Amino acid sequence: MKVIEDRVENYQPESKDNQHSDFKGTEQIDFWYLCTARANSGDLVLFFLGTVSSIVFGAALPSFCLIFGKMMDNLGSSTSNGDFSSMKTSALY
């Protein structure tokens, strides 16, 4: 607590040469460096697996919509002419 009280008491926001300033530079850090600066190899593997898993999970819903939409289209076209062969083919997917 003493360190915090000392910094609060001696802080001068107008001073350019403040020794208690924690933000002395305007260095920019990119996102990849921020994620991997203190990461070991196990962390990088988990980061990669999480990224790949989220891409697969995000692609699952649109792919199911395409598959089931095609099945519904085949169901509608097969009932009009009485031929269910297209429904058998789409059921294999």
N, C-alpha and C. Protein backbone atom coordinates (compact mmCIF):
# COMPACT_ATOMS: atom_id res chain seq x y z
N MET A 1 0.82 -1.20 0.00
CA MET A 1 0.00 0.00 0.00
C MET A 1 0.87 1.26 0.00
N LYS A 2 2.04 1.19 0.62
CA LYS A 2 2.92 2.35 0.69
C LYS A 2 3.37 2.78 -0.71
N VAL A 3 3.62 1.82 -1.58
CA VAL A 3 4.06 2.15 -2.94
C VAL A 3 2.96 2.87 -3.69
N ILE A 4 1.75 2.41 -3.55
CA ILE A 4 0.61 3.05 -4.23
C ILE A 4 0.39 4.46 -3.70
N GLU A 5 0.42 4.60 -2.39
CA GLU A 5 0.24 5.94 -1.80
C GLU A 5 1.33 6.89 -2.26
N ASP A 6 2.57 6.41 -2.36
CA ASP A 6 3.69 7.24 -2.80
C ASP A 6 3.50 7.68 -4.25
N ARG A 7 3.05 6.76 -5.10
CA ARG A 7 2.84 7.13 -6.50
C ARG A 7 1.69 8.11 -6.66
N VAL A 8 0.64 7.96 -5.89
CA VAL A 8 -0.50 8.87 -5.99
C VAL A 8 -0.12 10.26 -5.50
N GLU A 9 0.63 10.33 -4.42
CA GLU A 9 1.02 11.64 -3.88
C GLU A 9 1.99 12.38 -4.79
N ASN A 10 2.90 11.68 -5.44
CA ASN A 10 3.94 12.32 -6.24
C ASN A 10 3.61 12.41 -7.72
N TYR A 11 2.41 12.04 -8.12
CA TYR A 11 2.06 12.05 -9.54
C TYR A 11 1.76 13.45 -10.02
N GLN A 12 2.44 13.84 -11.09
CA GLN A 12 2.23 15.14 -11.73
C GLN A 12 1.85 14.89 -13.19
N PRO A 13 0.56 15.00 -13.55
CA PRO A 13 0.17 14.67 -14.92
C PRO A 13 0.75 15.60 -15.98
N GLU A 14 1.07 16.83 -15.63
CA GLU A 14 1.60 17.78 -16.61
C GLU A 14 3.08 17.56 -16.87
N SER A 15 3.77 16.91 -15.96
CA SER A 15 5.20 16.72 -16.08
C SER A 15 5.53 15.70 -17.17
N LYS A 16 6.42 16.08 -18.08
CA LYS A 16 6.85 15.18 -19.15
C LYS A 16 7.91 14.19 -18.66
N ASP A 17 8.62 14.55 -17.62
CA ASP A 17 9.72 13.72 -17.10
C ASP A 17 9.32 13.13 -15.75
N ASN A 18 8.22 12.42 -15.74
CA ASN A 18 7.71 11.84 -14.50
C ASN A 18 8.35 10.47 -14.28
N GLN A 19 9.06 10.29 -13.18
CA GLN A 19 9.73 9.02 -12.92
C GLN A 19 8.75 7.93 -12.48
N HIS A 20 7.55 8.29 -12.11
CA HIS A 20 6.55 7.32 -11.67
C HIS A 20 5.61 6.90 -12.79
N SER A 21 5.89 7.35 -13.99
CA SER A 21 5.01 7.03 -15.11
C SER A 21 5.22 5.58 -15.55
N ASP A 22 4.14 4.85 -15.66
CA ASP A 22 4.20 3.46 -16.13
C ASP A 22 4.07 3.38 -17.64
N PHE A 23 3.69 4.47 -18.28
CA PHE A 23 3.44 4.48 -19.72
C PHE A 23 4.36 5.49 -20.38
N LYS A 24 5.65 5.18 -20.42
CA LYS A 24 6.61 6.15 -20.94
C LYS A 24 6.70 6.16 -22.46
N GLY A 25 6.39 5.09 -23.13
CA GLY A 25 6.54 5.05 -24.57
C GLY A 25 5.22 4.88 -25.28
N THR A 26 5.29 4.98 -26.58
CA THR A 26 4.10 4.75 -27.40
C THR A 26 4.32 3.54 -28.30
N GLU A 27 5.07 2.56 -27.79
CA GLU A 27 5.36 1.37 -28.57
C GLU A 27 4.09 0.54 -28.76
N GLN A 28 3.84 0.13 -30.00
CA GLN A 28 2.67 -0.66 -30.30
C GLN A 28 3.05 -2.14 -30.34
N ILE A 29 2.17 -2.96 -29.78
CA ILE A 29 2.40 -4.40 -29.74
C ILE A 29 1.32 -5.06 -30.58
N ASP A 30 1.72 -5.95 -31.48
CA ASP A 30 0.73 -6.63 -32.31
C ASP A 30 0.07 -7.77 -31.54
N PHE A 31 -1.05 -8.26 -32.07
CA PHE A 31 -1.86 -9.25 -31.38
C PHE A 31 -1.12 -10.57 -31.20
N TRP A 32 -0.38 -11.02 -32.21
CA TRP A 32 0.32 -12.29 -32.13
C TRP A 32 1.38 -12.25 -31.03
N TYR A 33 2.11 -11.15 -30.93
CA TYR A 33 3.11 -11.02 -29.87
C TYR A 33 2.44 -11.00 -28.50
N LEU A 34 1.30 -10.36 -28.40
CA LEU A 34 0.58 -10.30 -27.14
C LEU A 34 0.13 -11.69 -26.69
N CYS A 35 -0.29 -12.52 -27.64
CA CYS A 35 -0.74 -13.88 -27.31
C CYS A 35 0.42 -14.83 -27.01
N THR A 36 1.56 -14.61 -27.64
CA THR A 36 2.64 -15.59 -27.54
C THR A 36 3.88 -15.11 -26.82
N ALA A 37 3.84 -13.97 -26.19
CA ALA A 37 5.05 -13.43 -25.57
C ALA A 37 5.56 -14.33 -24.45
N ARG A 38 4.70 -14.87 -23.66
CA ARG A 38 5.12 -15.72 -22.54
C ARG A 38 4.59 -17.15 -22.68
N ALA A 39 4.28 -17.55 -23.89
CA ALA A 39 3.71 -18.87 -24.12
C ALA A 39 4.82 -19.89 -24.36
N ASN A 40 4.61 -21.08 -23.82
CA ASN A 40 5.53 -22.17 -24.11
C ASN A 40 4.93 -23.01 -25.24
N SER A 41 5.58 -24.12 -25.57
CA SER A 41 5.11 -24.91 -26.71
C SER A 41 3.74 -25.53 -26.45
N GLY A 42 3.45 -25.91 -25.22
CA GLY A 42 2.13 -26.46 -24.89
C GLY A 42 1.03 -25.42 -25.08
N ASP A 43 1.31 -24.19 -24.72
CA ASP A 43 0.33 -23.11 -24.92
C ASP A 43 0.07 -22.86 -26.40
N LEU A 44 1.13 -22.92 -27.21
CA LEU A 44 0.96 -22.70 -28.65
C LEU A 44 0.15 -23.83 -29.29
N VAL A 45 0.35 -25.06 -28.83
CA VAL A 45 -0.44 -26.19 -29.34
C VAL A 45 -1.90 -25.99 -28.99
N LEU A 46 -2.19 -25.61 -27.75
CA LEU A 46 -3.57 -25.37 -27.34
C LEU A 46 -4.19 -24.21 -28.12
N PHE A 47 -3.42 -23.17 -28.37
CA PHE A 47 -3.89 -22.03 -29.15
C PHE A 47 -4.26 -22.47 -30.56
N PHE A 48 -3.40 -23.28 -31.18
CA PHE A 48 -3.65 -23.77 -32.53
C PHE A 48 -4.87 -24.69 -32.56
N LEU A 49 -4.97 -25.62 -31.62
CA LEU A 49 -6.11 -26.54 -31.57
C LEU A 49 -7.42 -25.79 -31.33
N GLY A 50 -7.40 -24.80 -30.49
CA GLY A 50 -8.60 -24.00 -30.24
C GLY A 50 -9.03 -23.22 -31.47
N THR A 51 -8.07 -22.70 -32.23
CA THR A 51 -8.39 -21.97 -33.44
C THR A 51 -9.00 -22.89 -34.50
N VAL A 52 -8.38 -24.05 -34.70
CA VAL A 52 -8.89 -25.00 -35.68
C VAL A 52 -10.27 -25.51 -35.26
N SER A 53 -10.44 -25.81 -33.99
CA SER A 53 -11.74 -26.30 -33.50
C SER A 53 -12.84 -25.26 -33.67
N SER A 54 -12.52 -24.01 -33.43
CA SER A 54 -13.55 -22.97 -33.59
C SER A 54 -13.92 -22.78 -35.06
N ILE A 55 -12.97 -22.95 -35.97
CA ILE A 55 -13.28 -22.86 -37.39
C ILE A 55 -14.19 -24.01 -37.81
N VAL A 56 -13.87 -25.22 -37.34
CA VAL A 56 -14.70 -26.39 -37.67
C VAL A 56 -16.10 -26.24 -37.08
N PHE A 57 -16.18 -25.81 -35.83
CA PHE A 57 -17.47 -25.63 -35.18
C PHE A 57 -18.29 -24.55 -35.88
N GLY A 58 -17.64 -23.49 -36.33
CA GLY A 58 -18.35 -22.42 -37.03
C GLY A 58 -18.83 -22.84 -38.41
N ALA A 59 -18.14 -23.79 -39.04
CA ALA A 59 -18.55 -24.25 -40.36
C ALA A 59 -19.59 -25.35 -40.29
N ALA A 60 -19.85 -25.91 -39.11
CA ALA A 60 -20.77 -27.04 -38.98
C ALA A 60 -22.22 -26.64 -39.29
N LEU A 61 -22.69 -25.55 -38.75
CA LEU A 61 -24.08 -25.16 -38.96
C LEU A 61 -24.39 -24.84 -40.43
N PRO A 62 -23.58 -24.05 -41.12
CA PRO A 62 -23.88 -23.82 -42.53
C PRO A 62 -23.83 -25.09 -43.37
N SER A 63 -22.91 -26.01 -43.04
CA SER A 63 -22.85 -27.24 -43.82
C SER A 63 -24.08 -28.11 -43.58
N PHE A 64 -24.56 -28.18 -42.34
CA PHE A 64 -25.79 -28.93 -42.07
C PHE A 64 -26.99 -28.29 -42.77
N CYS A 65 -27.02 -26.98 -42.82
CA CYS A 65 -28.12 -26.31 -43.53
C CYS A 65 -28.10 -26.65 -45.01
N LEU A 66 -26.92 -26.71 -45.61
CA LEU A 66 -26.84 -27.08 -47.02
C LEU A 66 -27.27 -28.53 -47.25
N ILE A 67 -26.81 -29.43 -46.39
CA ILE A 67 -27.15 -30.85 -46.57
C ILE A 67 -28.64 -31.08 -46.37
N PHE A 68 -29.21 -30.58 -45.29
CA PHE A 68 -30.63 -30.79 -45.04
C PHE A 68 -31.51 -30.03 -46.02
N GLY A 69 -31.04 -28.89 -46.49
CA GLY A 69 -31.79 -28.17 -47.52
C GLY A 69 -31.87 -28.95 -48.81
N LYS A 70 -30.74 -29.59 -49.18
CA LYS A 70 -30.74 -30.41 -50.38
C LYS A 70 -31.65 -31.63 -50.20
N MET A 71 -31.67 -32.21 -49.00
CA MET A 71 -32.56 -33.34 -48.73
C MET A 71 -34.02 -32.92 -48.86
N MET A 72 -34.35 -31.75 -48.36
CA MET A 72 -35.74 -31.28 -48.47
C MET A 72 -36.12 -31.02 -49.92
N ASP A 73 -35.17 -30.48 -50.69
CA ASP A 73 -35.43 -30.27 -52.12
C ASP A 73 -35.67 -31.60 -52.83
N ASN A 74 -34.86 -32.61 -52.50
CA ASN A 74 -35.03 -33.93 -53.12
C ASN A 74 -36.34 -34.57 -52.68
N LEU A 75 -36.74 -34.36 -51.45
CA LEU A 75 -37.99 -34.92 -50.97
C LEU A 75 -39.17 -34.30 -51.73
N GLY A 76 -39.13 -33.01 -51.95
CA GLY A 76 -40.20 -32.34 -52.68
C GLY A 76 -40.26 -32.77 -54.14
N SER A 77 -39.09 -32.96 -54.76
CA SER A 77 -39.10 -33.35 -56.17
C SER A 77 -39.43 -34.83 -56.35
N SER A 78 -39.09 -35.67 -55.34
CA SER A 78 -39.37 -37.10 -55.48
C SER A 78 -40.84 -37.42 -55.27
N THR A 79 -41.55 -36.65 -54.48
CA THR A 79 -42.97 -36.93 -54.26
C THR A 79 -43.82 -36.51 -55.45
N SER A 80 -43.34 -35.58 -56.25
CA SER A 80 -44.14 -35.13 -57.38
C SER A 80 -44.14 -36.15 -58.52
N ASN A 81 -43.03 -36.89 -58.70
CA ASN A 81 -43.01 -37.87 -59.79
C ASN A 81 -43.05 -39.32 -59.28
N GLY A 82 -43.09 -39.54 -57.98
CA GLY A 82 -43.20 -40.88 -57.42
C GLY A 82 -41.91 -41.66 -57.38
N ASP A 83 -40.77 -41.06 -57.74
CA ASP A 83 -39.48 -41.75 -57.73
C ASP A 83 -38.68 -41.31 -56.51
N PHE A 84 -38.32 -42.25 -55.66
CA PHE A 84 -37.60 -41.93 -54.43
C PHE A 84 -36.11 -42.23 -54.53
N SER A 85 -35.58 -42.41 -55.72
CA SER A 85 -34.16 -42.74 -55.88
C SER A 85 -33.26 -41.55 -55.47
N SER A 86 -33.70 -40.34 -55.73
CA SER A 86 -32.89 -39.18 -55.34
C SER A 86 -32.86 -39.03 -53.82
N MET A 87 -33.95 -39.45 -53.15
CA MET A 87 -33.97 -39.40 -51.69
C MET A 87 -33.02 -40.43 -51.11
N LYS A 88 -32.90 -41.60 -51.74
CA LYS A 88 -31.95 -42.61 -51.28
C LYS A 88 -30.53 -42.11 -51.41
N THR A 89 -30.24 -41.42 -52.50
CA THR A 89 -28.88 -40.89 -52.72
C THR A 89 -28.54 -39.84 -51.68
N SER A 90 -29.44 -38.91 -51.40
CA SER A 90 -29.15 -37.87 -50.43
C SER A 90 -29.12 -38.37 -49.00
N ALA A 91 -29.77 -39.51 -48.73
CA ALA A 91 -29.72 -40.08 -47.39
C ALA A 91 -28.35 -40.67 -47.10
N LEU A 92 -27.58 -40.99 -48.12
CA LEU A 92 -26.23 -41.52 -47.92
C LEU A 92 -25.26 -40.46 -47.40
N TYR A 93 -25.54 -39.21 -47.63
CA TYR A 93 -24.69 -38.14 -47.14
C TYR A 93 -24.86 -38.01 -45.67
